[in-house]
Amino acid sequence: MQERASEAVNVSAGTSAFAPFPRSEGYMKLLSFVVSNARRGEIMAVDNYSEMVQLMPDTDTKIETVHQANEECKHILLLEKLATHLGFAIDDSMVEPQWNNVRQHFHDAAKKKNLAGCLIIQDLMVESLAIGLYKLFSSASNGDYETNRIASNLLKDELEHLDIGVRRIKSLMEKDSEAVHDSLVWAHHRVMPNLFEMVYQSCDFLCHTQNLDCDMVDKGNVAIDLNALKVASLEHYVDMLYQAGFDLDVTNQLIASMTSYEVPGRASLGLGECLKDFMSGKPAGNA
């Protein structure tokens, strides 16, 4: 991780072979919004992993969780250095308020010593949003080399954290499947609406707080739509529910409930079709 962070931070040393990427004022504001919120998510991850340490059953898993918190600290520094290097601000006024709700729900689970709930919130739900974001910015649709490379490095760590979370959740289900499923239902109905509200309202939030119209921003050759983040994160979350081995009767009901996240009167993001594809591709009933 140390080598990866160092390589990613020193992007300026390796960009001489690439043509300078033109960044408009509006695009810089958009980057400020995205990075400010990504940084807030990483700060929350540090808090979450730190609070989870005391719930871990043995020394090895405690050390592993401390290591995860340490990696999230490096992500914060990496995002801050990217902002400094490119010349945009980390702006707390751009941070969406739903982060506070997500953090509070995690804290509530930790107070109840609900390790399964903590793992589901941080390692499935929050990580799915982070992975969706970093996948978008590390994809070929992002012609901004420097943000693309940073996102690629962050994505590798987040995927590792997700794998750890899935492994831990499977272990807990072997001991008490019913309790873990109860934790999933509890966390899903509290956290997922907040996460998707953040993404759904991101352009409205920018318009109201920064007078910035996402659709009108000159992004150069960056073909990234923030609305696509909702579908990308949803796809990853649904896939992780299946990979973690949750009962399909339970997950299908939770997945179906997510169509309610579409706001009447607003342009559809196609969640209904996306969910239909997932549900039709999975067998009904228990695995």
Protein backbone atom coordinates (compact mmCIF):
# COMPACT_ATOMS: atom_id res chain seq x y z
CA MET A 1 0.00 0.00 0.00
CA GLN A 2 2.86 2.40 0.82
CA GLU A 3 4.40 1.88 -2.62
CA ARG A 4 1.00 2.28 -4.26
CA ALA A 5 0.31 5.53 -2.43
CA SER A 6 3.73 6.95 -3.26
CA GLU A 7 3.34 6.04 -6.92
CA ALA A 8 -0.11 7.59 -7.06
CA VAL A 9 0.86 10.80 -5.29
CA ASN A 10 3.78 11.44 -7.61
CA VAL A 11 1.55 11.77 -10.64
CA SER A 12 3.20 15.02 -11.68
CA ALA A 13 6.50 13.26 -12.30
CA GLY A 14 4.95 10.91 -14.82
CA THR A 15 2.66 13.21 -16.73
CA SER A 16 5.24 14.89 -18.96
CA ALA A 17 4.60 12.30 -21.67
CA PHE A 18 0.91 13.18 -21.68
CA ALA A 19 -0.66 16.24 -23.26
CA PRO A 20 -1.84 18.80 -20.67
CA PHE A 21 -5.48 18.19 -19.82
CA PRO A 22 -7.63 21.35 -20.12
CA ARG A 23 -9.78 21.88 -17.03
CA SER A 24 -12.51 24.50 -17.15
CA GLU A 25 -13.59 26.45 -14.08
CA GLY A 26 -16.83 24.47 -13.93
CA TYR A 27 -14.97 21.17 -14.21
CA MET A 28 -12.66 22.20 -11.36
CA LYS A 29 -15.72 22.92 -9.21
CA LEU A 30 -17.09 19.51 -10.11
CA LEU A 31 -13.79 17.90 -9.08
CA SER A 32 -13.88 19.87 -5.84
CA PHE A 33 -17.34 18.50 -5.11
CA VAL A 34 -16.44 14.90 -5.93
CA VAL A 35 -13.13 14.91 -4.05
CA SER A 36 -14.55 16.78 -1.03
CA ASN A 37 -17.25 14.12 -0.66
CA ALA A 38 -14.87 11.23 -1.36
CA ARG A 39 -12.57 12.62 1.34
CA ARG A 40 -15.50 12.86 3.77
CA GLY A 41 -16.30 9.23 3.05
CA GLU A 42 -12.70 8.24 3.74
CA ILE A 43 -12.74 10.19 7.03
CA MET A 44 -15.91 8.36 8.01
CA ALA A 45 -14.24 5.05 7.10
CA VAL A 46 -11.37 5.84 9.49
CA ASP A 47 -13.91 6.52 12.25
CA ASN A 48 -15.87 3.38 11.41
CA TYR A 49 -12.91 1.01 11.27
CA SER A 50 -11.47 2.52 14.45
CA GLU A 51 -14.75 2.00 16.28
CA MET A 52 -15.03 -1.54 14.89
CA VAL A 53 -11.69 -2.65 16.32
CA GLN A 54 -13.12 -3.25 19.79
CA LEU A 55 -15.79 -5.54 18.32
CA MET A 56 -13.32 -7.87 16.62
CA PRO A 57 -13.09 -11.32 18.22
CA ASP A 58 -9.32 -11.82 18.20
CA THR A 59 -5.99 -10.04 17.91
CA ASP A 60 -5.44 -10.86 14.24
CA THR A 61 -8.73 -9.33 13.12
CA LYS A 62 -8.12 -6.31 15.37
CA ILE A 63 -4.75 -5.73 13.68
CA GLU A 64 -6.29 -6.21 10.24
CA THR A 65 -8.98 -3.62 11.04
CA VAL A 66 -6.41 -1.12 12.33
CA HIS A 67 -4.56 -1.63 9.04
CA GLN A 68 -7.75 -0.86 7.12
CA ALA A 69 -8.19 2.38 9.09
CA ASN A 70 -4.57 3.27 8.33
CA GLU A 71 -5.13 2.72 4.60
CA GLU A 72 -8.15 5.02 4.68
CA CYS A 73 -5.94 7.68 6.32
CA LYS A 74 -3.59 7.40 3.34
CA HIS A 75 -6.53 7.81 0.99
CA ILE A 76 -7.41 11.11 2.70
CA LEU A 77 -3.86 12.40 2.18
CA LEU A 78 -3.88 11.19 -1.41
CA LEU A 79 -7.08 13.09 -2.22
CA GLU A 80 -5.76 16.22 -0.50
CA LYS A 81 -2.53 16.06 -2.50
CA LEU A 82 -4.50 15.61 -5.72
CA ALA A 83 -6.51 18.75 -4.93
CA THR A 84 -3.34 20.72 -4.19
CA HIS A 85 -1.60 19.44 -7.31
CA LEU A 86 -4.48 20.29 -9.65
CA GLY A 87 -5.35 23.53 -7.86
CA PHE A 88 -8.89 23.06 -6.57
CA ALA A 89 -10.15 23.40 -3.02
CA ILE A 90 -11.31 20.79 -0.54
CA ASP A 91 -14.56 22.53 0.36
CA ASP A 92 -16.58 21.36 3.37
CA SER A 93 -19.55 23.43 2.14
CA MET A 94 -19.80 20.95 -0.76
CA VAL A 95 -20.01 17.91 1.51
CA GLU A 96 -23.49 16.41 1.44
CA PRO A 97 -25.24 16.15 4.84
CA GLN A 98 -26.27 12.49 4.48
CA TRP A 99 -22.74 11.41 5.47
CA ASN A 100 -23.64 12.36 9.05
CA ASN A 101 -26.68 10.06 8.98
CA VAL A 102 -24.66 7.13 7.68
CA ARG A 103 -22.01 7.65 10.34
CA GLN A 104 -24.70 7.82 13.07
CA HIS A 105 -26.29 4.55 11.94
CA PHE A 106 -22.89 2.86 12.05
CA HIS A 107 -22.29 4.28 15.54
CA ASP A 108 -25.67 2.96 16.66
CA ALA A 109 -24.73 -0.52 15.43
CA ALA A 110 -21.36 -0.32 17.18
CA LYS A 111 -22.97 0.74 20.47
CA LYS A 112 -25.16 -2.37 20.26
CA LYS A 113 -22.02 -4.43 19.58
CA ASN A 114 -23.61 -5.46 16.30
CA LEU A 115 -20.49 -6.45 14.35
CA ALA A 116 -22.51 -7.79 11.43
CA GLY A 117 -24.34 -4.48 11.10
CA CYS A 118 -21.06 -2.56 11.17
CA LEU A 119 -19.49 -4.77 8.52
CA ILE A 120 -22.55 -4.55 6.28
CA ILE A 121 -22.69 -0.75 6.52
CA GLN A 122 -18.99 -0.08 5.97
CA ASP A 123 -17.75 -2.99 3.87
CA LEU A 124 -20.80 -3.62 1.67
CA MET A 125 -22.81 -0.41 1.51
CA VAL A 126 -20.28 2.41 1.83
CA GLU A 127 -17.63 0.49 -0.08
CA SER A 128 -20.09 -0.11 -2.93
CA LEU A 129 -20.51 3.65 -3.31
CA ALA A 130 -16.75 4.24 -3.13
CA ILE A 131 -16.06 1.47 -5.63
CA GLY A 132 -18.72 2.81 -7.98
CA LEU A 133 -17.14 6.28 -7.83
CA TYR A 134 -13.55 5.12 -8.31
CA LYS A 135 -14.54 2.72 -11.08
CA LEU A 136 -16.17 5.56 -12.99
CA PHE A 137 -13.17 7.85 -12.63
CA SER A 138 -10.68 5.09 -13.46
CA SER A 139 -12.58 4.01 -16.57
CA ALA A 140 -11.69 4.76 -20.17
CA SER A 141 -14.46 7.39 -20.19
CA ASN A 142 -12.27 9.60 -17.99
CA GLY A 143 -9.71 11.32 -20.21
CA ASP A 144 -8.24 13.22 -17.26
CA TYR A 145 -5.09 11.14 -16.76
CA GLU A 146 -4.25 12.35 -13.25
CA THR A 147 -7.69 11.82 -11.71
CA ASN A 148 -7.95 8.51 -13.57
CA ARG A 149 -4.69 7.22 -12.09
CA ILE A 150 -5.51 8.30 -8.55
CA ALA A 151 -8.94 6.63 -8.80
CA SER A 152 -7.31 3.42 -10.06
CA ASN A 153 -5.03 3.24 -7.04
CA LEU A 154 -7.83 3.97 -4.58
CA LEU A 155 -10.04 1.38 -6.27
CA LYS A 156 -7.52 -1.41 -5.62
CA ASP A 157 -7.58 -0.79 -1.87
CA GLU A 158 -11.37 -0.48 -1.69
CA LEU A 159 -11.81 -3.78 -3.53
CA GLU A 160 -9.49 -5.42 -0.98
CA HIS A 161 -11.57 -3.98 1.87
CA LEU A 162 -14.73 -5.28 0.26
CA ASP A 163 -13.25 -8.78 -0.01
CA ILE A 164 -12.30 -8.68 3.67
CA GLY A 165 -15.81 -7.60 4.60
CA VAL A 166 -17.45 -10.36 2.55
CA ARG A 167 -15.17 -12.95 4.15
CA ARG A 168 -16.02 -11.71 7.64
CA ILE A 169 -19.76 -11.61 6.96
CA LYS A 170 -19.70 -15.18 5.63
CA SER A 171 -17.92 -16.27 8.81
CA LEU A 172 -20.55 -14.61 10.99
CA MET A 173 -23.37 -16.21 8.97
CA GLU A 174 -21.91 -19.63 9.62
CA LYS A 175 -22.36 -18.96 13.32
CA ASP A 176 -25.76 -17.17 13.32
CA SER A 177 -27.32 -16.64 9.92
CA GLU A 178 -30.60 -15.29 11.27
CA ALA A 179 -28.91 -12.54 13.28
CA VAL A 180 -26.79 -11.47 10.31
CA HIS A 181 -29.86 -11.31 8.05
CA ASP A 182 -31.65 -9.21 10.67
CA SER A 183 -28.66 -6.85 10.66
CA LEU A 184 -28.79 -6.62 6.86
CA VAL A 185 -32.46 -5.65 6.84
CA TRP A 186 -31.92 -3.11 9.63
CA ALA A 187 -28.91 -1.51 7.93
CA HIS A 188 -30.38 -1.59 4.43
CA HIS A 189 -33.48 0.43 5.28
CA ARG A 190 -31.46 3.04 7.19
CA VAL A 191 -28.28 3.47 5.17
CA MET A 192 -29.06 2.76 1.52
CA PRO A 193 -31.64 5.56 1.13
CA ASN A 194 -29.05 8.03 2.46
CA LEU A 195 -26.31 6.85 0.12
CA PHE A 196 -28.49 6.97 -2.96
CA GLU A 197 -30.06 10.28 -1.98
CA MET A 198 -26.55 11.74 -1.97
CA VAL A 199 -25.93 10.58 -5.51
CA TYR A 200 -29.41 11.33 -6.81
CA GLN A 201 -29.35 14.88 -5.48
CA SER A 202 -25.72 15.63 -6.26
CA CYS A 203 -26.43 17.81 -9.29
CA ASP A 204 -29.24 19.65 -7.49
CA PHE A 205 -26.93 20.11 -4.50
CA LEU A 206 -24.25 21.63 -6.74
CA CYS A 207 -26.79 23.87 -8.44
CA HIS A 208 -28.18 25.20 -5.17
CA THR A 209 -24.91 25.60 -3.25
CA GLN A 210 -22.46 26.45 -6.05
CA ASN A 211 -24.73 27.69 -8.86
CA LEU A 212 -23.23 24.97 -11.04
CA ASP A 213 -25.24 23.06 -13.65
CA CYS A 214 -23.73 19.56 -14.02
CA ASP A 215 -25.12 19.18 -17.54
CA MET A 216 -23.56 22.41 -18.75
CA VAL A 217 -20.06 21.91 -17.30
CA ASP A 218 -17.27 21.77 -19.89
CA LYS A 219 -15.56 18.50 -18.98
CA GLY A 220 -13.30 18.32 -22.02
CA ASN A 221 -13.06 14.67 -23.07
CA VAL A 222 -14.33 13.35 -19.73
CA ALA A 223 -17.54 11.46 -20.45
CA ILE A 224 -18.59 10.90 -16.83
CA ASP A 225 -22.17 11.39 -15.69
CA LEU A 226 -22.67 11.61 -11.91
CA ASN A 227 -26.11 10.08 -12.36
CA ALA A 228 -24.43 6.93 -13.65
CA LEU A 229 -22.81 6.57 -10.24
CA LYS A 230 -26.12 5.57 -8.71
CA VAL A 231 -26.61 2.67 -11.08
CA ALA A 232 -22.93 1.63 -10.87
CA SER A 233 -23.04 1.58 -7.07
CA LEU A 234 -26.36 -0.23 -7.06
CA GLU A 235 -25.04 -2.93 -9.37
CA HIS A 236 -22.02 -3.49 -7.15
CA TYR A 237 -24.08 -3.56 -3.96
CA VAL A 238 -26.53 -6.09 -5.39
CA ASP A 239 -23.68 -8.26 -6.64
CA MET A 240 -22.04 -8.19 -3.21
CA LEU A 241 -25.27 -9.30 -1.54
CA TYR A 242 -25.18 -12.43 -3.67
CA GLN A 243 -21.44 -12.98 -3.23
CA ALA A 244 -21.78 -12.72 0.55
CA GLY A 245 -24.28 -15.56 0.43
CA PHE A 246 -27.36 -13.84 1.84
CA ASP A 247 -30.67 -15.68 1.47
CA LEU A 248 -32.17 -14.81 -1.91
CA ASP A 249 -35.69 -14.44 -0.53
CA VAL A 250 -34.40 -11.69 1.77
CA THR A 251 -32.15 -9.98 -0.75
CA ASN A 252 -34.76 -10.00 -3.51
CA GLN A 253 -37.22 -8.20 -1.21
CA LEU A 254 -34.59 -5.61 -0.29
CA ILE A 255 -33.58 -5.14 -3.92
CA ALA A 256 -37.20 -4.70 -5.00
CA SER A 257 -37.69 -2.03 -2.34
CA MET A 258 -34.92 0.06 -3.90
CA THR A 259 -37.11 1.04 -6.84
CA SER A 260 -38.78 3.43 -4.40
CA TYR A 261 -35.57 5.48 -4.44
CA GLU A 262 -36.66 6.88 -7.81
CA VAL A 263 -38.29 10.28 -7.28
CA PRO A 264 -41.69 10.76 -8.98
CA GLY A 265 -41.67 13.50 -11.58
CA ARG A 266 -37.94 13.29 -12.19
CA ALA A 267 -36.08 11.59 -15.01
CA SER A 268 -35.70 7.89 -14.30
CA LEU A 269 -32.22 6.47 -13.84
CA GLY A 270 -33.43 3.09 -15.00
CA LEU A 271 -33.17 1.43 -11.60
CA GLY A 272 -36.29 -0.63 -12.28
CA GLU A 273 -34.76 -2.16 -15.40
CA CYS A 274 -31.40 -2.63 -13.71
CA LEU A 275 -32.99 -4.44 -10.78
CA LYS A 276 -35.20 -6.50 -13.08
CA ASP A 277 -32.08 -7.72 -14.89
CA PHE A 278 -30.41 -8.71 -11.63
CA MET A 279 -33.46 -10.45 -10.25
CA SER A 280 -34.22 -12.32 -13.47
CA GLY A 281 -30.64 -13.54 -13.58
CA LYS A 282 -30.76 -15.01 -10.07
CA PRO A 283 -32.77 -18.03 -8.98
CA ALA A 284 -35.71 -17.50 -6.66
CA GLY A 285 -35.64 -18.96 -3.17
CA ASN A 286 -32.64 -20.09 -1.19
CA ALA A 287 -29.27 -20.66 -2.82
